[in-house]
Each structure stands twice: as C-alpha cells, then as structure tokens.
Protein backbone atom coordinates (compact mmCIF):
# COMPACT_ATOMS: atom_id res chain seq x y z
CA MET A 1 -0.07 -0.30 0.18
CA THR A 2 1.84 3.58 -1.16
CA LYS A 3 0.69 6.87 0.50
CA PRO A 4 1.37 10.36 -0.63
CA GLY A 5 4.87 11.17 -0.89
CA ASP A 6 5.68 7.78 -2.51
CA HIS A 7 5.61 8.69 -6.29
CA THR A 8 6.98 11.52 -8.05
CA LEU A 9 3.97 13.22 -9.17
CA PRO A 10 3.91 15.92 -12.30
CA ALA A 11 3.76 19.77 -11.07
CA GLY A 12 0.24 20.78 -10.16
CA THR A 13 -0.91 17.17 -8.90
CA VAL A 14 -2.96 17.29 -5.82
CA ALA A 15 -2.37 14.14 -3.32
CA VAL A 16 -5.10 13.00 -0.90
CA GLN A 17 -5.42 10.07 1.13
CA TYR A 18 -9.16 8.29 1.37
CA ASP A 19 -9.83 5.71 3.66
CA VAL A 20 -12.63 3.80 1.23
CA SER A 21 -13.43 1.39 4.65
CA LYS A 22 -15.62 4.82 6.01
CA ALA A 23 -17.53 5.71 2.07
CA ALA A 24 -20.63 5.69 3.88
CA ALA A 25 -19.94 8.02 6.86
CA SER A 26 -17.63 10.35 5.19
CA PRO A 27 -17.77 9.66 1.46
CA LEU A 28 -15.03 11.23 -1.22
CA LYS A 29 -17.08 14.04 -2.65
CA GLY A 30 -17.21 15.67 0.61
CA GLN A 31 -13.73 15.41 1.47
CA LEU A 32 -12.57 16.50 -1.87
CA ALA A 33 -15.05 19.45 -1.51
CA GLN A 34 -13.44 20.72 1.85
CA ILE A 35 -9.99 21.06 -0.27
CA ARG A 36 -11.77 21.96 -3.36
CA ASP A 37 -9.74 25.39 -3.14
CA ARG A 38 -6.07 23.48 -3.68
CA LEU A 39 -7.74 21.60 -6.41
CA ALA A 40 -8.90 24.31 -8.28
CA ARG A 41 -5.41 25.70 -8.30
CA GLY A 42 -4.36 22.28 -9.40
CA SER A 43 -3.93 20.65 -13.28
CA GLY A 44 -4.12 16.27 -11.49
CA LEU A 45 -5.59 14.49 -8.81
CA ALA A 46 -3.54 11.67 -7.09
CA LEU A 47 -5.93 9.66 -4.54
CA TYR A 48 -4.65 7.18 -2.42
CA LEU A 49 -7.03 4.53 -0.95
CA THR A 50 -6.56 3.39 2.40
CA GLY A 51 -9.05 0.72 4.40
CA GLY A 52 -9.71 -1.54 1.02
CA THR A 53 -8.40 -1.63 -3.11
CA ALA A 54 -11.94 -0.32 -4.44
CA LEU A 55 -14.07 2.23 -4.99
CA ASN A 56 -18.11 1.96 -4.24
CA ASP A 57 -20.21 3.43 -7.05
CA THR A 58 -21.11 6.71 -5.54
CA ASP A 59 -17.29 7.70 -4.80
CA LEU A 60 -16.30 6.69 -8.22
CA THR A 61 -19.33 8.82 -9.83
CA ALA A 62 -17.64 11.58 -7.74
CA LEU A 63 -14.53 11.29 -9.28
CA GLN A 64 -15.85 10.79 -12.72
CA THR A 65 -18.01 13.93 -12.58
CA LEU A 66 -15.48 16.93 -10.81
CA HIS A 67 -15.75 19.00 -13.77
CA LYS A 68 -19.52 19.11 -13.81
CA PRO A 69 -21.61 22.21 -12.12
CA GLU A 70 -22.24 22.03 -8.70
CA THR A 71 -25.84 22.24 -9.50
CA SER A 72 -25.40 19.22 -11.40
CA GLY A 73 -23.86 16.97 -8.52
CA GLY A 74 -20.06 18.11 -9.73
CA LEU A 75 -17.57 20.50 -7.96
CA ASP A 76 -17.16 22.61 -10.87
CA LEU A 77 -13.56 21.89 -11.21
CA THR A 78 -13.07 22.70 -15.39
CA ASN A 79 -8.93 22.92 -14.25
CA LEU A 80 -8.24 19.43 -13.78
CA ARG A 81 -6.80 17.21 -16.54
CA ARG A 82 -4.99 14.13 -14.74
CA LEU A 83 -6.23 11.27 -12.40
CA HIS A 84 -3.87 9.00 -10.48
CA VAL A 85 -5.55 6.43 -8.12
CA TYR A 86 -3.19 4.11 -6.32
CA ASN A 87 -3.90 0.83 -4.40
CA LEU A 88 -6.88 0.53 -6.37
CA ARG A 89 -6.82 -3.15 -7.66
CA SER A 90 -10.63 -3.56 -8.85
CA LEU A 91 -12.53 -1.13 -10.89
CA GLN A 92 -16.02 -1.32 -11.94
CA GLY A 93 -16.91 -2.40 -15.90
CA GLY A 94 -19.32 -1.07 -18.18
CA ARG A 95 -22.94 -2.11 -19.47
CA GLU A 96 -23.25 -2.91 -22.95
CA CYS A 97 -25.66 -0.32 -24.97
CA THR A 98 -28.10 -3.06 -26.27
CA PRO A 99 -31.42 -2.49 -27.51
CA THR A 100 -33.01 -4.03 -24.54
CA SER A 101 -30.34 -2.22 -22.09
CA GLY A 102 -32.49 0.54 -20.73
CA LEU A 103 -29.23 2.77 -20.71
CA ALA A 104 -29.75 6.00 -22.66
CA CYS A 105 -27.53 4.86 -25.01
CA ALA A 106 -29.27 1.70 -26.01
CA GLY A 107 -28.67 0.62 -29.68
CA GLN A 108 -25.70 2.65 -30.14
CA THR A 109 -22.80 0.74 -32.30
CA ALA A 110 -19.21 1.40 -32.03
CA ARG A 111 -19.15 1.75 -36.63
CA GLY A 112 -22.11 1.16 -38.44
CA GLY A 113 -24.23 -2.08 -38.48
CA ASP A 114 -25.78 -3.59 -35.50
CA TRP A 115 -22.64 -4.34 -33.57
CA PRO A 116 -20.79 -4.24 -31.90
CA TYR A 117 -22.30 -1.84 -29.13
CA LEU A 118 -20.54 0.50 -27.28
CA TRP A 119 -20.63 0.06 -23.39
CA TYR A 120 -21.64 2.95 -21.01
CA ASN A 121 -19.51 3.10 -17.61
CA GLY A 122 -19.69 6.90 -16.78
CA TRP A 123 -16.12 7.69 -18.14
CA TRP A 124 -17.88 9.29 -21.38
CA ASP A 125 -17.37 13.04 -21.56
CA THR A 126 -15.47 12.89 -18.33
CA TRP A 127 -12.50 15.60 -17.27
CA VAL A 128 -9.52 13.02 -17.44
CA LYS A 129 -7.20 13.02 -19.89
CA ASP A 130 -4.36 11.54 -18.15
CA LEU A 131 -5.30 8.07 -16.33
CA VAL A 132 -2.88 6.26 -14.00
CA LEU A 133 -3.98 3.11 -12.32
CA ASP A 134 -1.02 1.45 -12.03
CA ASP A 135 -2.46 -0.91 -9.47
CA LEU A 136 -5.53 -2.06 -11.12
CA ASP A 137 -5.20 -6.01 -11.62
CA GLU A 138 -8.21 -6.02 -14.56
CA VAL A 139 -9.86 -3.85 -17.19
CA LYS A 140 -12.90 -5.73 -17.15
CA ASP A 141 -15.51 -5.69 -19.84
CA GLY A 142 -16.48 -2.12 -21.23
CA THR A 143 -14.38 -0.05 -18.30
CA PHE A 144 -13.45 2.61 -20.69
CA SER A 145 -15.53 2.24 -23.74
CA ASN A 146 -16.07 5.35 -25.65
CA HIS A 147 -13.38 7.34 -23.71
CA ASN A 148 -11.57 10.74 -24.16
CA PHE A 149 -8.00 9.66 -22.93
CA ALA A 150 -4.39 10.95 -24.18
CA SER A 151 -2.99 8.53 -22.07
CA VAL A 152 -3.02 5.99 -19.76
CA SER A 153 -1.03 3.88 -17.51
CA LEU A 154 -2.04 0.14 -16.39
CA ARG A 155 1.34 -1.49 -15.65
CA GLY A 156 -0.44 -4.14 -12.83
CA ALA A 157 -3.12 -5.01 -15.34
CA ARG A 158 -3.01 -8.39 -16.78
CA THR A 159 -6.32 -8.64 -18.68
CA VAL A 160 -8.08 -6.21 -20.94
CA GLY A 161 -12.00 -7.21 -21.29
CA VAL A 162 -13.85 -6.82 -24.06
CA MET A 163 -14.99 -3.59 -25.61
CA ALA A 164 -12.34 -2.26 -22.48
CA PHE A 165 -11.11 0.66 -24.56
CA GLY A 166 -13.28 0.39 -27.66
CA HIS A 167 -14.53 3.10 -29.99
CA ALA A 168 -12.28 6.22 -29.30
CA PRO A 169 -12.00 7.74 -32.75
CA TYR A 170 -10.93 11.67 -31.24
CA ALA A 171 -9.22 10.40 -28.18
CA ARG A 172 -6.05 11.09 -28.76
CA LEU A 173 -4.48 7.98 -26.72
CA ALA A 174 -1.10 7.37 -29.22
CA VAL A 175 0.88 5.04 -27.15
CA VAL A 176 -0.47 1.69 -25.14
CA TYR A 177 2.23 0.00 -23.19
CA LEU A 178 0.78 -2.86 -21.05
CA PRO A 179 3.80 -4.43 -19.54
CA SER A 180 1.56 -6.86 -17.11
CA ALA A 181 -1.51 -7.83 -19.73
CA ILE A 182 -1.60 -11.28 -20.80
CA THR A 183 -4.62 -11.58 -22.33
CA ILE A 184 -6.07 -8.39 -24.31
CA GLY A 185 -10.21 -9.35 -25.14
CA ARG A 186 -12.24 -8.89 -28.15
CA ASP A 187 -12.90 -5.17 -29.51
CA ALA A 188 -10.42 -3.98 -26.86
CA PHE A 189 -9.01 -1.08 -28.41
CA ARG A 190 -11.40 -0.91 -31.99
CA ARG A 191 -11.25 2.25 -33.52
CA ASN A 192 -9.16 4.27 -31.58
CA GLN A 193 -7.41 6.09 -34.09
CA TYR A 194 -4.65 8.03 -32.83
CA LEU A 195 -3.28 5.00 -31.43
CA LEU A 196 0.43 5.31 -33.08
CA LYS A 197 2.31 2.69 -31.35
CA VAL A 198 1.33 -0.75 -28.87
CA ASN A 199 3.53 -2.25 -26.87
CA LEU A 200 2.61 -6.18 -25.42
CA PRO A 201 5.88 -7.38 -24.04
CA HIS A 202 4.12 -10.36 -21.77
CA ALA A 203 0.83 -10.65 -23.77
CA VAL A 204 -0.36 -14.44 -25.27
CA THR A 205 -3.88 -13.50 -26.90
CA VAL A 206 -5.31 -10.72 -28.69
CA GLY A 207 -8.74 -11.41 -29.37
CA ASP A 208 -11.24 -10.56 -32.34
CA PHE A 209 -10.95 -7.05 -33.99
CA ALA A 210 -9.08 -5.64 -30.70
CA PHE A 211 -6.94 -3.10 -32.41
CA ASP A 212 -9.56 -3.08 -36.15
CA ASP A 213 -9.47 0.02 -37.67
CA THR A 214 -6.58 1.56 -35.44
CA SER A 215 -6.03 3.76 -38.50
CA ARG A 216 -3.18 5.61 -37.70
CA LEU A 217 -1.13 2.88 -35.74
CA GLN A 218 2.61 2.52 -37.09
CA TYR A 219 4.04 0.00 -34.42
CA PHE A 220 2.99 -3.18 -33.11
CA ALA A 221 5.31 -5.14 -30.52
CA ALA A 222 3.88 -8.54 -28.81
CA PRO A 223 7.13 -10.21 -28.55
CA ASN A 224 5.11 -13.77 -26.59
CA LEU A 225 2.08 -13.57 -28.84
CA GLU A 226 0.71 -16.91 -29.90
CA SER A 227 -2.58 -15.88 -31.39
CA ILE A 228 -4.45 -13.00 -33.04
CA GLY A 229 -7.69 -13.38 -33.86
CA ARG A 230 -9.73 -12.63 -36.70
CA ASN A 231 -9.33 -8.86 -37.70
CA GLY A 232 -7.12 -8.04 -35.03
CA LEU A 233 -5.43 -5.72 -36.88
CA ASN A 234 -7.69 -5.11 -39.73
CA ASP A 235 -7.95 -1.56 -41.25
CA THR A 236 -4.19 -0.24 -39.75
CA HIS A 237 -3.49 1.49 -42.84
CA ALA A 238 -0.63 3.21 -41.41
CA LEU A 239 1.07 0.07 -40.12
CA ARG A 240 4.76 -0.46 -40.88
CA ALA A 241 6.56 -2.81 -38.52
CA VAL A 242 5.27 -5.73 -36.55
CA HIS A 243 7.25 -7.83 -34.20
CA LEU A 244 5.66 -11.05 -33.58
CA PRO A 245 8.70 -14.04 -33.14
CA SER A 246 6.07 -16.16 -31.31
CA LEU A 247 2.99 -15.86 -33.08
CA THR A 248 1.50 -19.48 -34.11
CA TYR A 249 -2.14 -18.12 -34.89
CA MET A 250 -2.91 -15.50 -37.53
CA GLY A 251 -6.79 -15.24 -38.02
CA ILE A 252 -8.92 -13.86 -40.50
CA ASN A 253 -7.92 -10.75 -42.01
CA CYS A 254 -5.73 -10.07 -39.45
CA PHE A 255 -3.18 -7.48 -40.71
CA ASP A 256 -3.27 -4.58 -43.09
CA LEU A 257 0.72 -3.97 -43.07
CA ASN A 258 0.44 -1.30 -46.17
CA GLY A 259 2.11 1.87 -44.28
CA ASP A 260 2.32 4.75 -46.36
CA ALA A 261 2.30 3.62 -49.86
CA ALA A 262 3.43 6.93 -51.44
CA GLN A 263 6.54 7.02 -49.26
CA GLY A 264 6.78 3.28 -49.14
CA THR A 265 6.87 2.69 -45.56
CA GLY A 266 4.88 -0.28 -45.70
CA VAL A 267 5.92 -3.71 -44.85
CA LYS A 268 8.44 -5.75 -47.33
CA VAL A 269 9.43 -9.06 -45.50
CA LEU A 270 7.01 -10.28 -43.16
CA ARG A 271 9.09 -12.79 -40.79
CA LEU A 272 7.12 -15.18 -38.59
CA PRO A 273 9.35 -17.63 -37.06
CA LYS A 274 7.19 -19.56 -34.97
CA LEU A 275 3.79 -19.75 -37.30
CA GLN A 276 1.37 -22.49 -37.51
CA THR A 277 -1.77 -21.58 -38.98
CA LEU A 278 -2.61 -18.91 -41.40
CA ASP A 279 -6.13 -18.48 -41.41
CA LYS A 280 -8.54 -17.26 -44.38
CA ASN A 281 -7.38 -13.62 -46.23
CA ALA A 282 -4.53 -13.42 -43.26
CA ILE A 283 -2.13 -11.87 -45.52
CA THR A 284 -3.83 -10.26 -48.54
CA GLY A 285 -3.76 -6.75 -50.09
CA PHE A 286 -0.06 -6.03 -48.81
CA ALA A 287 0.82 -3.33 -50.94
CA THR A 288 4.53 -3.44 -50.67
CA LEU A 289 5.49 -6.74 -49.07
CA GLN A 290 7.75 -8.98 -51.18
CA GLN A 291 8.72 -12.03 -48.62
CA VAL A 292 6.90 -14.52 -46.50
CA TRP A 293 9.31 -16.10 -44.02
CA ALA A 294 7.14 -19.05 -41.86
CA PRO A 295 9.20 -22.10 -41.80
CA MET A 296 6.68 -23.53 -39.23
CA LEU A 297 3.83 -22.56 -41.32
CA THR A 298 1.96 -26.14 -41.92
CA THR A 299 -1.69 -25.10 -42.49
CA ALA A 300 -2.78 -22.27 -45.27
CA TRP A 301 -6.60 -21.79 -45.32
CA HIS A 302 -8.54 -20.28 -47.88
CA TYR A 303 -7.22 -17.10 -49.82
CA SER A 304 -4.77 -16.84 -46.92
CA ILE A 305 -1.79 -15.39 -48.88
CA THR A 306 -3.64 -13.51 -52.10
CA ASN A 307 -3.72 -10.35 -54.03
CA ASN A 308 -0.21 -9.04 -53.00
CA PRO A 309 1.11 -7.02 -55.91
CA LYS A 310 5.01 -7.13 -55.24
CA LEU A 311 5.25 -10.49 -53.28
CA LEU A 312 8.07 -11.79 -54.71
CA SER A 313 8.75 -15.28 -52.85
CA VAL A 314 7.10 -17.22 -49.62
CA TYR A 315 9.46 -19.74 -47.83
CA ALA A 316 7.21 -22.23 -46.00
CA PRO A 317 8.98 -25.73 -46.10
CA GLY A 318 6.61 -26.71 -43.06
CA LEU A 319 3.39 -26.75 -45.52
CA ARG A 320 1.53 -29.76 -44.93
CA LYS A 321 -1.97 -28.50 -45.85
CA LEU A 322 -3.44 -25.90 -48.85
CA GLY A 323 -6.79 -24.77 -48.79
CA PRO A 324 -8.57 -23.32 -51.95
CA HIS A 325 -6.60 -20.09 -53.91
CA VAL A 326 -3.78 -19.91 -51.23
CA PHE A 327 -1.74 -18.17 -53.58
CA THR A 328 -4.31 -16.51 -56.02
CA ASN A 329 -3.31 -12.91 -58.02
CA ASN A 330 0.01 -12.08 -56.69
CA VAL A 331 1.23 -10.85 -59.55
CA ALA A 332 4.95 -10.76 -59.38
CA LEU A 333 4.87 -14.31 -56.95
CA ARG A 334 8.34 -16.07 -58.50
CA ALA A 335 9.31 -18.55 -56.17
CA VAL A 336 7.47 -20.88 -53.19
CA TYR A 337 9.93 -22.88 -51.23
CA LEU A 338 8.06 -25.85 -49.71
CA GLY A 339 9.30 -29.39 -47.99
CA THR A 340 10.14 -32.87 -47.58
CA GLN A 341 7.03 -33.65 -48.23
CA PRO A 342 4.46 -32.75 -50.94
CA PRO A 343 1.56 -30.83 -48.88
CA ALA A 344 -2.17 -32.13 -49.17
CA GLN A 345 -3.81 -29.72 -51.51
CA ASP A 346 -7.52 -28.37 -52.38
CA PRO A 347 -8.06 -28.69 -55.45
CA THR A 348 -8.19 -24.91 -56.34
CA ALA A 349 -4.89 -24.38 -54.17
CA PHE A 350 -2.22 -23.04 -56.95
CA THR A 351 -5.77 -21.38 -58.98
CA GLY A 352 -4.85 -17.60 -60.29
CA THR A 353 -1.39 -18.40 -59.94
CA ASP A 354 1.24 -17.59 -63.05
CA ALA A 355 2.73 -20.32 -64.45
CA ALA A 356 4.75 -18.31 -66.95
CA LYS A 357 6.46 -16.62 -63.57
CA LEU A 358 6.03 -19.34 -60.14
CA THR A 359 8.18 -21.84 -59.58
CA LEU A 360 7.73 -24.48 -56.80
CA TYR A 361 11.34 -25.55 -54.95
CA HIS A 362 11.56 -28.19 -52.70
CA PRO A 363 14.72 -30.15 -51.47
CA PRO A 364 16.64 -32.62 -53.90
CA GLY A 365 16.22 -36.26 -53.72
CA LYS A 366 12.49 -36.67 -52.44
CA ALA A 367 10.76 -39.33 -54.39
CA ALA A 368 7.49 -38.25 -53.30
CA TRP A 369 7.63 -35.16 -55.15
CA ARG A 370 7.58 -36.91 -58.70
CA ALA A 371 4.34 -37.50 -58.80
CA PHE A 372 3.27 -34.26 -57.40
CA ARG A 373 1.09 -32.03 -59.82
CA PRO A 374 0.32 -28.57 -58.20
CA ALA A 375 -3.86 -28.45 -58.00
CA GLY A 376 -5.15 -26.04 -59.83
CA ASN A 377 -2.57 -25.13 -62.32
CA PRO A 378 -0.61 -28.24 -63.53
CA ALA A 379 1.67 -26.18 -65.36
CA LEU A 380 3.29 -24.94 -62.91
CA ARG A 381 7.07 -25.72 -62.64
CA VAL A 382 8.38 -27.95 -59.61
CA VAL A 383 12.09 -28.02 -59.43
CA GLU A 384 14.58 -29.53 -56.72
CA GLN A 385 16.91 -26.98 -54.96
C-alpha cells in the first residue's frame, strides 16, 4: 500500500489520502469539497486509497464528475486533467448499450451496422485526459469504452476485457504500453484512431477485432504473442512494422501492413518464425510486401496469401495443407519454397497463379515429389533445389 509522497507526481498534482472503509459516513465527494480551493489551483488529482482496494459506485461517480457544475452534482473543477488512483486493485466495468439495456445509449454501436455496441461506464465526456491506475489487476469489459484519454498507465493489469477501450475515434491516446497484460479481449481497442504505437511485452492472446480500425497505428510489438484473432489488426492502414516472433496463429483478415504507400513505408519482409496456422485472407492486399518467411507454417487456409502485387517469394517448408486459392493473384510471385513432403492440396490450391513466372522449389532427392502436380495449375514448374 502506497501513500502520498511515495510517487513523483507531475507539478500541480494534489495528493489526497482516502479511507474507503469509511465511505458511508464520509464519502469521497465531501472530502474533496473540503479542499476544493486547492484542487482549483491544480491540474491533477492523486488519490491514495486506504482501508480497501476498490471504490463504491458513489465515490467513482464523484471522481468522474468533478468537472460538472455543482447544480449537476459536481464541484465545477474544469481545470483538472490528470487522475492517479493508487492502491486501486478493482474497478467497475461498463454496461453494454444493447437495444434492451434500458440505458440512454441503448442501441448505439461503435461503427455502423448492429455490432459491436458501446458500453456505458461513466467515463464518457469525463474531465480525465491522463489516467494512471498502475495497481489495477484487471480492466473489465467495457470499463473505458468511448473514452477520451490522451494517455493511460496500467502497469499492473494482466487482462484487458471486451470493448474495454473500444470506440474512441477522437481520443488522443497515441501509445499503449501494457507491461503485465497477458490477454487482450475482443474489440478491446477497436477504433482508437489516434494510436501510433502498441507494446505488449507479455501478451499471449489478442482477441477478434482488438485493434481493428486503429487507422494511424504504425508499430505493434508483442514478442510473446501466440494468437491474434479475426480482424485483430485489420484496417491498420499506416502499420509499418510488427514484431511477432512467437506467433503461431494468425486469424482471418488479421493485418493491414501497407504503411504509407506514397512513401513506401509498408512492410516488405514478413518474418513469422513460429507461425503454424494461417487463416483465411490473413495476408492479402499488402501493397509493399515482397517476402513471407514462415518456416514452421503447416496450414494455409482459403485465400490466405493473395492479392499482394509485389510479393516475390514465400518460404514455408513446413506446409502440410493448402486450402482453396492460397496463392491467387500475387502477380509478381516467383518462388514458393516447400519442404521434404508435398502438402495436401485443395483442388484449387494453386488456381490464380502464373505458370510463366512461379516456380515451386523443394529439397533434392525426395521421391514423394515425383508424382506431385500443383492442384489448380498443373503447368507450374516443380524444381529441386
């Protein structure tokens, strides 16, 4: 348990200690009202909890609404920007804005169509721009959906739930660094359109649509990540570098690695040393991609490496199963390097490839290759190397 004085705080931050075990008799709002003049001269609040590690709903609402007029339940503190809460281990999640939720936001969605719905949590239009909750264990579903943060520090959080930060198209949150997070849930940061960098040093799984439509994202590093779900990094039009040395599964429509096409900053070489399964449309439409290096890849599903206009070579000697149209319409593709055993093929596995350009290479002296004919384009050259 930390106390005022244990952290170096930005200038203008007012540090307050609050005993949550006495909230019924002495609620937080009343205590903050007593130091309103100090808060009015500051730019941030650092709240140190004692007597417990959680806030009740009333105290949380008091924090979220400090900027509102006193007639609306606040303290009219429009000068504050930063909120630090220490010793807080648990925080309320949100409520999903389904059509039958009874909330004022009922039926509101994050982006077109009927899904996903926003989650209401009390942080909408709050005064907080810079949030520090370094002792929090878990970010629950919908906790900060539709937020407007510019920076977030969550050094202790091990899980980030469904839609936890989802839909924040105008929030200036540029960097996400989650040093303890193991699991990132579905839609967790969907449509945070000012994100530039994401660093997840210990994350193992990233759920479906977790970073979908983060259209300014440039750098994504997750050295221990094993699985990215469907559309996990889709519509990331500016993405220019990924570091995923432990990835074993790449989901449907997973990436958009084009960077700035005019400046040629998109990914040219995609190295996935532990990748085993490539799902449908996983590597498709990459304008600058020239090489795919995936030595442990065993399964490539439907259209999994397609429509990459500058792709020259694919190194995947571990391939054992090819789905439909795996290599369709890679107009510059010259070489696919396969292994000692021919892969099982869908009848259309090589449909849409150019027999005048593409050659399939395999190790020499392997009898199993003698009867191999590329399904969907038997005219392709099959050569020992």
